[in-house]
Amino acid sequence: MVQQRLNRIEKTKNNCGSRKHRKLQKYSEKFNEIFNFFLQSYRSGILTFCGYDVKVEFDINSDDGKFSFRKFENGEIKIHYLKSCHPNILKGVIIGKKSWGLWLDQFTDGIVEGSFTKEEILEQFYEKGIKIPEPFLLDFDNTLLRKKVKRNEIEIDRLKKLGLL
């Protein structure tokens, strides 16, 4: 009886994956929004450089692009061992994710220096119909504020040394 039950569980696990595997294949709205943001940003040409050559091997028996990205996000697979049955999608999403981190730093540096404005940056995304997820906008604002405060502290110290304050 117990052996039959264990055999049935093992057979089900082989057919449709473990309970954890099935649970991970259910995607929240926020995950879908972030996934689509990275993919659209990559495909539209806004976020295409990440400083790393991302290579994804095609494997028909591997997971789809979205599930592979989720496993990448959870640390289950590393960037050196990427396989997917949708390699172009996975590559685009990973490059978009890594590019966002890189360009966020560059965007905020340029805004603090006065080279361009926040509106000019965000306009690039809105012109192409790409909605930036709320957590990324918050991160953008927090990074910008942190860099402005740091710049102001440096400037105040410089003025104090000159005796102007």
C-alpha atoms as a PDB file:
ATOM      1  CA  MET A   1       0.000   0.000   0.000  1.00  0.00           C
ATOM      2  CA  VAL A   2       2.678   2.487   1.052  1.00  0.00           C
ATOM      3  CA  GLN A   3       4.938   1.374  -1.792  1.00  0.00           C
ATOM      4  CA  GLN A   4       2.109   1.891  -4.310  1.00  0.00           C
ATOM      5  CA  ARG A   5       1.551   5.403  -3.001  1.00  0.00           C
ATOM      6  CA  LEU A   6       5.262   6.237  -3.225  1.00  0.00           C
ATOM      7  CA  ASN A   7       5.383   4.865  -6.773  1.00  0.00           C
ATOM      8  CA  ARG A   8       2.367   6.984  -7.741  1.00  0.00           C
ATOM      9  CA  ILE A   9       3.961  10.111  -6.234  1.00  0.00           C
ATOM     10  CA  GLU A  10       7.228   9.418  -8.049  1.00  0.00           C
ATOM     11  CA  LYS A  11       5.377   8.889 -11.333  1.00  0.00           C
ATOM     12  CA  THR A  12       3.488  12.183 -10.903  1.00  0.00           C
ATOM     13  CA  LYS A  13       6.722  13.975 -10.021  1.00  0.00           C
ATOM     14  CA  ASN A  14       8.367  12.656 -13.195  1.00  0.00           C
ATOM     15  CA  ASN A  15       5.398  13.650 -15.367  1.00  0.00           C
ATOM     16  CA  CYS A  16       4.722  17.180 -14.147  1.00  0.00           C
ATOM     17  CA  GLY A  17       7.534  18.052 -11.740  1.00  0.00           C
ATOM     18  CA  SER A  18       7.756  18.339  -8.004  1.00  0.00           C
ATOM     19  CA  ARG A  19       5.426  20.465  -5.906  1.00  0.00           C
ATOM     20  CA  LYS A  20       8.103  23.184  -5.641  1.00  0.00           C
ATOM     21  CA  HIS A  21       8.648  23.100  -9.409  1.00  0.00           C
ATOM     22  CA  ARG A  22       4.915  23.496 -10.110  1.00  0.00           C
ATOM     23  CA  LYS A  23       4.624  26.307  -7.563  1.00  0.00           C
ATOM     24  CA  LEU A  24       7.492  28.233  -9.179  1.00  0.00           C
ATOM     25  CA  GLN A  25       5.717  28.070 -12.539  1.00  0.00           C
ATOM     26  CA  LYS A  26       2.904  30.265 -11.226  1.00  0.00           C
ATOM     27  CA  TYR A  27       3.859  33.867 -11.881  1.00  0.00           C
ATOM     28  CA  SER A  28       2.559  36.902 -10.010  1.00  0.00           C
ATOM     29  CA  GLU A  29       1.509  40.092 -11.765  1.00  0.00           C
ATOM     30  CA  LYS A  30       4.604  41.870 -10.422  1.00  0.00           C
ATOM     31  CA  PHE A  31       6.913  39.158 -11.773  1.00  0.00           C
ATOM     32  CA  ASN A  32       5.214  39.335 -15.180  1.00  0.00           C
ATOM     33  CA  GLU A  33       5.477  43.135 -15.167  1.00  0.00           C
ATOM     34  CA  ILE A  34       9.210  43.017 -14.389  1.00  0.00           C
ATOM     35  CA  PHE A  35       9.821  40.236 -16.920  1.00  0.00           C
ATOM     36  CA  ASN A  36       8.006  42.162 -19.660  1.00  0.00           C
ATOM     37  CA  PHE A  37       9.812  45.400 -18.757  1.00  0.00           C
ATOM     38  CA  PHE A  38      13.228  43.791 -19.190  1.00  0.00           C
ATOM     39  CA  LEU A  39      12.217  42.028 -22.411  1.00  0.00           C
ATOM     40  CA  GLN A  40      10.606  45.123 -23.976  1.00  0.00           C
ATOM     41  CA  SER A  41      13.535  47.330 -22.954  1.00  0.00           C
ATOM     42  CA  TYR A  42      15.969  44.926 -24.580  1.00  0.00           C
ATOM     43  CA  ARG A  43      13.932  44.477 -27.759  1.00  0.00           C
ATOM     44  CA  SER A  44      13.379  48.221 -28.183  1.00  0.00           C
ATOM     45  CA  GLY A  45      17.123  48.861 -27.920  1.00  0.00           C
ATOM     46  CA  ILE A  46      17.124  50.914 -24.710  1.00  0.00           C
ATOM     47  CA  LEU A  47      18.808  48.386 -22.402  1.00  0.00           C
ATOM     48  CA  THR A  48      21.139  46.333 -24.597  1.00  0.00           C
ATOM     49  CA  PHE A  49      24.561  46.625 -22.955  1.00  0.00           C
ATOM     50  CA  CYS A  50      25.271  44.906 -19.664  1.00  0.00           C
ATOM     51  CA  GLY A  51      29.051  44.578 -19.683  1.00  0.00           C
ATOM     52  CA  TYR A  52      28.908  40.799 -20.042  1.00  0.00           C
ATOM     53  CA  ASP A  53      28.493  38.497 -23.032  1.00  0.00           C
ATOM     54  CA  VAL A  54      25.388  36.483 -22.135  1.00  0.00           C
ATOM     55  CA  LYS A  55      25.286  33.129 -23.908  1.00  0.00           C
ATOM     56  CA  VAL A  56      22.256  30.876 -23.706  1.00  0.00           C
ATOM     57  CA  GLU A  57      22.276  27.403 -25.205  1.00  0.00           C
ATOM     58  CA  PHE A  58      19.211  26.005 -26.924  1.00  0.00           C
ATOM     59  CA  ASP A  59      17.906  22.793 -25.379  1.00  0.00           C
ATOM     60  CA  ILE A  60      14.478  21.556 -26.407  1.00  0.00           C
ATOM     61  CA  ASN A  61      14.109  19.610 -23.149  1.00  0.00           C
ATOM     62  CA  SER A  62      14.992  22.587 -20.961  1.00  0.00           C
ATOM     63  CA  ASP A  63      12.660  25.057 -19.253  1.00  0.00           C
ATOM     64  CA  ASP A  64      10.966  27.928 -21.065  1.00  0.00           C
ATOM     65  CA  GLY A  65      12.370  31.476 -20.967  1.00  0.00           C
ATOM     66  CA  LYS A  66      10.199  32.774 -18.139  1.00  0.00           C
ATOM     67  CA  PHE A  67      10.815  29.808 -15.841  1.00  0.00           C
ATOM     68  CA  SER A  68      14.554  29.863 -16.601  1.00  0.00           C
ATOM     69  CA  PHE A  69      14.625  33.564 -15.700  1.00  0.00           C
ATOM     70  CA  ARG A  70      12.852  32.803 -12.427  1.00  0.00           C
ATOM     71  CA  LYS A  71      15.450  30.131 -11.656  1.00  0.00           C
ATOM     72  CA  PHE A  72      18.185  32.650 -12.534  1.00  0.00           C
ATOM     73  CA  GLU A  73      16.621  35.213 -10.190  1.00  0.00           C
ATOM     74  CA  ASN A  74      16.420  32.635  -7.389  1.00  0.00           C
ATOM     75  CA  GLY A  75      20.064  31.665  -7.884  1.00  0.00           C
ATOM     76  CA  GLU A  76      19.279  28.123  -8.995  1.00  0.00           C
ATOM     77  CA  ILE A  77      21.197  28.591 -12.249  1.00  0.00           C
ATOM     78  CA  LYS A  78      24.242  30.739 -12.890  1.00  0.00           C
ATOM     79  CA  ILE A  79      24.962  32.980 -15.860  1.00  0.00           C
ATOM     80  CA  HIS A  80      27.654  30.579 -17.088  1.00  0.00           C
ATOM     81  CA  TYR A  81      25.270  27.618 -17.465  1.00  0.00           C
ATOM     82  CA  LEU A  82      22.192  29.004 -19.174  1.00  0.00           C
ATOM     83  CA  LYS A  83      20.005  26.623 -21.180  1.00  0.00           C
ATOM     84  CA  SER A  84      16.490  27.223 -22.367  1.00  0.00           C
ATOM     85  CA  CYS A  85      14.048  26.222 -25.052  1.00  0.00           C
ATOM     86  CA  HIS A  86      13.625  30.006 -25.599  1.00  0.00           C
ATOM     87  CA  PRO A  87      17.255  31.201 -25.619  1.00  0.00           C
ATOM     88  CA  ASN A  88      16.598  34.584 -27.251  1.00  0.00           C
ATOM     89  CA  ILE A  89      13.947  35.518 -24.708  1.00  0.00           C
ATOM     90  CA  LEU A  90      16.091  34.453 -21.756  1.00  0.00           C
ATOM     91  CA  LYS A  91      19.122  36.284 -23.158  1.00  0.00           C
ATOM     92  CA  GLY A  92      17.090  39.457 -23.710  1.00  0.00           C
ATOM     93  CA  VAL A  93      15.613  39.445 -20.217  1.00  0.00           C
ATOM     94  CA  ILE A  94      18.948  38.819 -18.509  1.00  0.00           C
ATOM     95  CA  ILE A  95      20.692  41.523 -20.555  1.00  0.00           C
ATOM     96  CA  GLY A  96      17.801  43.892 -19.748  1.00  0.00           C
ATOM     97  CA  LYS A  97      18.112  43.138 -16.033  1.00  0.00           C
ATOM     98  CA  LYS A  98      21.869  43.608 -15.913  1.00  0.00           C
ATOM     99  CA  SER A  99      21.663  46.708 -18.138  1.00  0.00           C
ATOM    100  CA  TRP A 100      19.135  48.348 -15.823  1.00  0.00           C
ATOM    101  CA  GLY A 101      21.560  48.132 -12.907  1.00  0.00           C
ATOM    102  CA  LEU A 102      24.418  49.481 -14.999  1.00  0.00           C
ATOM    103  CA  TRP A 103      22.469  52.278 -16.677  1.00  0.00           C
ATOM    104  CA  LEU A 104      20.682  53.306 -13.493  1.00  0.00           C
ATOM    105  CA  ASP A 105      24.043  54.338 -12.095  1.00  0.00           C
ATOM    106  CA  GLN A 106      24.958  56.171 -15.301  1.00  0.00           C
ATOM    107  CA  PHE A 107      21.557  57.874 -15.623  1.00  0.00           C
ATOM    108  CA  THR A 108      21.667  59.188 -12.056  1.00  0.00           C
ATOM    109  CA  ASP A 109      25.277  60.389 -12.444  1.00  0.00           C
ATOM    110  CA  GLY A 110      24.268  62.353 -15.540  1.00  0.00           C
ATOM    111  CA  ILE A 111      21.251  63.879 -13.810  1.00  0.00           C
ATOM    112  CA  VAL A 112      23.308  64.930 -10.783  1.00  0.00           C
ATOM    113  CA  GLU A 113      25.936  66.498 -13.071  1.00  0.00           C
ATOM    114  CA  GLY A 114      23.196  68.338 -14.961  1.00  0.00           C
ATOM    115  CA  SER A 115      23.882  66.634 -18.305  1.00  0.00           C
ATOM    116  CA  PHE A 116      20.228  65.663 -18.679  1.00  0.00           C
ATOM    117  CA  THR A 117      17.019  65.473 -16.680  1.00  0.00           C
ATOM    118  CA  LYS A 118      15.064  62.618 -15.173  1.00  0.00           C
ATOM    119  CA  GLU A 119      12.188  63.388 -17.534  1.00  0.00           C
ATOM    120  CA  GLU A 120      14.452  62.937 -20.579  1.00  0.00           C
ATOM    121  CA  ILE A 121      15.455  59.480 -19.370  1.00  0.00           C
ATOM    122  CA  LEU A 122      11.929  58.350 -18.555  1.00  0.00           C
ATOM    123  CA  GLU A 123      10.641  59.768 -21.833  1.00  0.00           C
ATOM    124  CA  GLN A 124      12.771  57.239 -23.748  1.00  0.00           C
ATOM    125  CA  PHE A 125      10.803  54.430 -22.129  1.00  0.00           C
ATOM    126  CA  TYR A 126       7.391  56.076 -22.422  1.00  0.00           C
ATOM    127  CA  GLU A 127       7.890  56.888 -26.128  1.00  0.00           C
ATOM    128  CA  LYS A 128       8.310  53.182 -26.817  1.00  0.00           C
ATOM    129  CA  GLY A 129       5.291  52.253 -24.684  1.00  0.00           C
ATOM    130  CA  ILE A 130       7.331  50.660 -21.907  1.00  0.00           C
ATOM    131  CA  LYS A 131       5.933  50.992 -18.398  1.00  0.00           C
ATOM    132  CA  ILE A 132       8.656  51.037 -15.750  1.00  0.00           C
ATOM    133  CA  PRO A 133       7.620  48.954 -12.717  1.00  0.00           C
ATOM    134  CA  GLU A 134       7.068  50.859  -9.477  1.00  0.00           C
ATOM    135  CA  PRO A 135       9.973  49.246  -7.548  1.00  0.00           C
ATOM    136  CA  PHE A 136      12.382  50.367 -10.278  1.00  0.00           C
ATOM    137  CA  LEU A 137      11.080  53.933 -10.183  1.00  0.00           C
ATOM    138  CA  LEU A 138      11.507  53.961  -6.397  1.00  0.00           C
ATOM    139  CA  ASP A 139      15.046  52.628  -6.758  1.00  0.00           C
ATOM    140  CA  PHE A 140      15.724  55.287  -9.407  1.00  0.00           C
ATOM    141  CA  ASP A 141      14.479  58.053  -7.104  1.00  0.00           C
ATOM    142  CA  ASN A 142      16.377  56.730  -4.065  1.00  0.00           C
ATOM    143  CA  THR A 143      19.635  56.389  -6.006  1.00  0.00           C
ATOM    144  CA  LEU A 144      19.210  59.882  -7.424  1.00  0.00           C
ATOM    145  CA  LEU A 145      18.521  61.363  -3.979  1.00  0.00           C
ATOM    146  CA  ARG A 146      21.498  59.566  -2.449  1.00  0.00           C
ATOM    147  CA  LYS A 147      23.831  60.876  -5.164  1.00  0.00           C
ATOM    148  CA  LYS A 148      22.490  64.429  -4.881  1.00  0.00           C
ATOM    149  CA  VAL A 149      23.031  64.410  -1.110  1.00  0.00           C
ATOM    150  CA  LYS A 150      26.563  63.113  -1.578  1.00  0.00           C
ATOM    151  CA  ARG A 151      27.304  65.773  -4.211  1.00  0.00           C
ATOM    152  CA  ASN A 152      25.931  68.505  -1.943  1.00  0.00           C
ATOM    153  CA  GLU A 153      28.012  67.309   1.010  1.00  0.00           C
ATOM    154  CA  ILE A 154      31.161  67.387  -1.118  1.00  0.00           C
ATOM    155  CA  GLU A 155      30.337  70.883  -2.359  1.00  0.00           C
ATOM    156  CA  ILE A 156      29.642  72.164   1.187  1.00  0.00           C
ATOM    157  CA  ASP A 157      32.979  70.742   2.389  1.00  0.00           C
ATOM    158  CA  ARG A 158      34.735  72.424  -0.552  1.00  0.00           C
ATOM    159  CA  LEU A 159      33.130  75.779   0.222  1.00  0.00           C
ATOM    160  CA  LYS A 160      34.016  75.469   3.920  1.00  0.00           C
ATOM    161  CA  LYS A 161      37.662  74.856   3.027  1.00  0.00           C
ATOM    162  CA  LEU A 162      37.644  77.971   0.866  1.00  0.00           C
ATOM    163  CA  GLY A 163      36.137  79.933   3.746  1.00  0.00           C
ATOM    164  CA  LEU A 164      32.980  80.836   1.848  1.00  0.00           C
ATOM    165  CA  LEU A 165      30.680  79.212   4.403  1.00  0.00           C
END
